[in-house]
Amino acid sequence: MDPERKAAIRRTFKWGALGYVLLLGSVAWAYFAINHWRGSRGGLLALSGAMVVAGVASFLTIPILRATNPKRRFMGMSVTTYMVASTLFGLAVAAFLVVLAIATPQ
């Protein structure tokens, strides 16, 4: 591997590390949400927060995927396109869970 590509890969790892920090933050959010809102509302809000953080964390891995293997394909599309599509789907599910949590009577 050429030195320029190695340097590009090394620069992208900070984004992956930030994703792991966010995932640890989602555990704190889940603990807060479950204890603050009792019943199904707390669980739905905790799950929604975890989905948002998982989506953002996966989105942060896109620079790593571009640097390591830019031509890789998954299910007929580029890895970047697949990651963006799955992240947007996850955020849509998280938004649905928030609406469901708010609409659920307590």
Protein backbone atom coordinates (compact mmCIF):
# COMPACT_ATOMS: atom_id res chain seq x y z
CA MET A 1 0.00 0.00 0.00
CA ASP A 2 1.33 3.43 -0.85
CA PRO A 3 2.15 5.92 1.95
CA GLU A 4 -0.50 8.40 0.79
CA ARG A 5 -3.27 5.82 1.17
CA LYS A 6 -1.93 4.73 4.57
CA ALA A 7 -2.02 8.36 5.72
CA ALA A 8 -5.60 8.72 4.47
CA ILE A 9 -6.66 5.59 6.36
CA ARG A 10 -4.91 6.81 9.52
CA ARG A 11 -6.73 10.16 9.32
CA THR A 12 -10.12 8.46 9.07
CA PHE A 13 -9.80 6.42 12.25
CA LYS A 14 -10.65 9.40 14.47
CA TRP A 15 -14.17 9.28 13.00
CA GLY A 16 -14.53 5.63 13.93
CA ALA A 17 -13.37 6.38 17.47
CA LEU A 18 -15.94 9.17 17.72
CA GLY A 19 -18.63 6.66 16.73
CA TYR A 20 -17.68 4.42 19.65
CA VAL A 21 -17.84 7.36 22.05
CA LEU A 22 -21.33 8.11 20.77
CA LEU A 23 -22.37 4.49 21.28
CA LEU A 24 -21.27 4.70 24.91
CA GLY A 25 -23.33 7.88 25.20
CA SER A 26 -26.37 6.01 23.93
CA VAL A 27 -26.08 3.63 26.87
CA ALA A 28 -26.23 6.64 29.21
CA TRP A 29 -29.24 7.99 27.30
CA ALA A 30 -31.02 4.63 27.53
CA TYR A 31 -30.44 4.50 31.29
CA PHE A 32 -31.78 8.04 31.69
CA ALA A 33 -34.80 7.50 29.44
CA ILE A 34 -35.87 4.25 31.08
CA ASN A 35 -35.59 5.73 34.57
CA HIS A 36 -37.15 9.10 33.73
CA TRP A 37 -40.14 7.88 31.73
CA ARG A 38 -41.71 4.78 33.18
CA GLY A 39 -43.47 2.21 31.06
CA SER A 40 -43.26 1.80 27.32
CA ARG A 41 -42.52 5.49 26.70
CA GLY A 42 -39.10 5.24 28.32
CA GLY A 43 -38.23 2.08 26.43
CA LEU A 44 -39.32 3.52 23.10
CA LEU A 45 -37.39 6.74 23.68
CA ALA A 46 -34.31 4.78 24.77
CA LEU A 47 -34.52 2.62 21.66
CA SER A 48 -35.04 5.68 19.48
CA GLY A 49 -31.96 7.36 20.92
CA ALA A 50 -29.93 4.21 20.40
CA MET A 51 -31.11 4.04 16.77
CA VAL A 52 -30.12 7.66 16.14
CA VAL A 53 -26.68 7.12 17.65
CA ALA A 54 -26.19 3.86 15.74
CA GLY A 55 -27.12 5.65 12.53
CA VAL A 56 -24.70 8.49 13.19
CA ALA A 57 -21.96 6.05 14.20
CA SER A 58 -22.42 4.05 11.00
CA PHE A 59 -22.43 7.27 8.99
CA LEU A 60 -19.09 8.19 10.59
CA THR A 61 -17.56 4.99 9.21
CA ILE A 62 -18.09 6.09 5.61
CA PRO A 63 -14.68 7.86 5.38
CA ILE A 64 -13.01 4.67 6.63
CA LEU A 65 -14.80 2.58 4.00
CA ARG A 66 -13.91 5.06 1.25
CA ALA A 67 -10.25 5.06 2.25
CA THR A 68 -9.82 1.32 2.66
CA ASN A 69 -11.80 -0.04 -0.29
CA PRO A 70 -13.49 2.63 -2.43
CA LYS A 71 -14.64 0.28 -5.20
CA ARG A 72 -16.30 -2.34 -3.00
CA ARG A 73 -19.93 -3.14 -3.77
CA PHE A 74 -22.63 -4.58 -1.52
CA MET A 75 -26.01 -5.76 -2.80
CA GLY A 76 -25.36 -4.15 -6.19
CA MET A 77 -24.54 -0.67 -4.88
CA SER A 78 -21.46 1.03 -3.56
CA VAL A 79 -20.76 0.66 0.14
CA THR A 80 -21.13 4.41 0.60
CA THR A 81 -24.59 4.40 -1.00
CA TYR A 82 -25.61 1.41 1.09
CA MET A 83 -24.40 3.05 4.33
CA VAL A 84 -26.23 6.31 3.56
CA ALA A 85 -29.44 4.45 2.68
CA SER A 86 -29.33 2.25 5.79
CA THR A 87 -28.54 5.26 7.99
CA LEU A 88 -31.50 7.20 6.62
CA PHE A 89 -33.74 4.18 7.13
CA GLY A 90 -32.54 3.87 10.74
CA LEU A 91 -33.20 7.56 11.38
CA ALA A 92 -36.70 7.20 9.92
CA VAL A 93 -37.39 4.25 12.24
CA ALA A 94 -36.07 6.30 15.18
CA ALA A 95 -38.40 9.18 14.28
CA PHE A 96 -41.31 6.74 14.10
CA LEU A 97 -40.42 5.40 17.55
CA VAL A 98 -40.38 8.94 19.00
CA VAL A 99 -43.82 9.64 17.53
CA LEU A 100 -45.07 6.32 18.87
CA ALA A 101 -43.64 7.06 22.33
CA ILE A 102 -45.30 10.48 22.44
CA ALA A 103 -48.63 9.16 21.15
CA THR A 104 -48.71 6.24 23.60
CA PRO A 105 -50.94 7.05 26.59
CA GLN A 106 -49.31 6.61 29.98
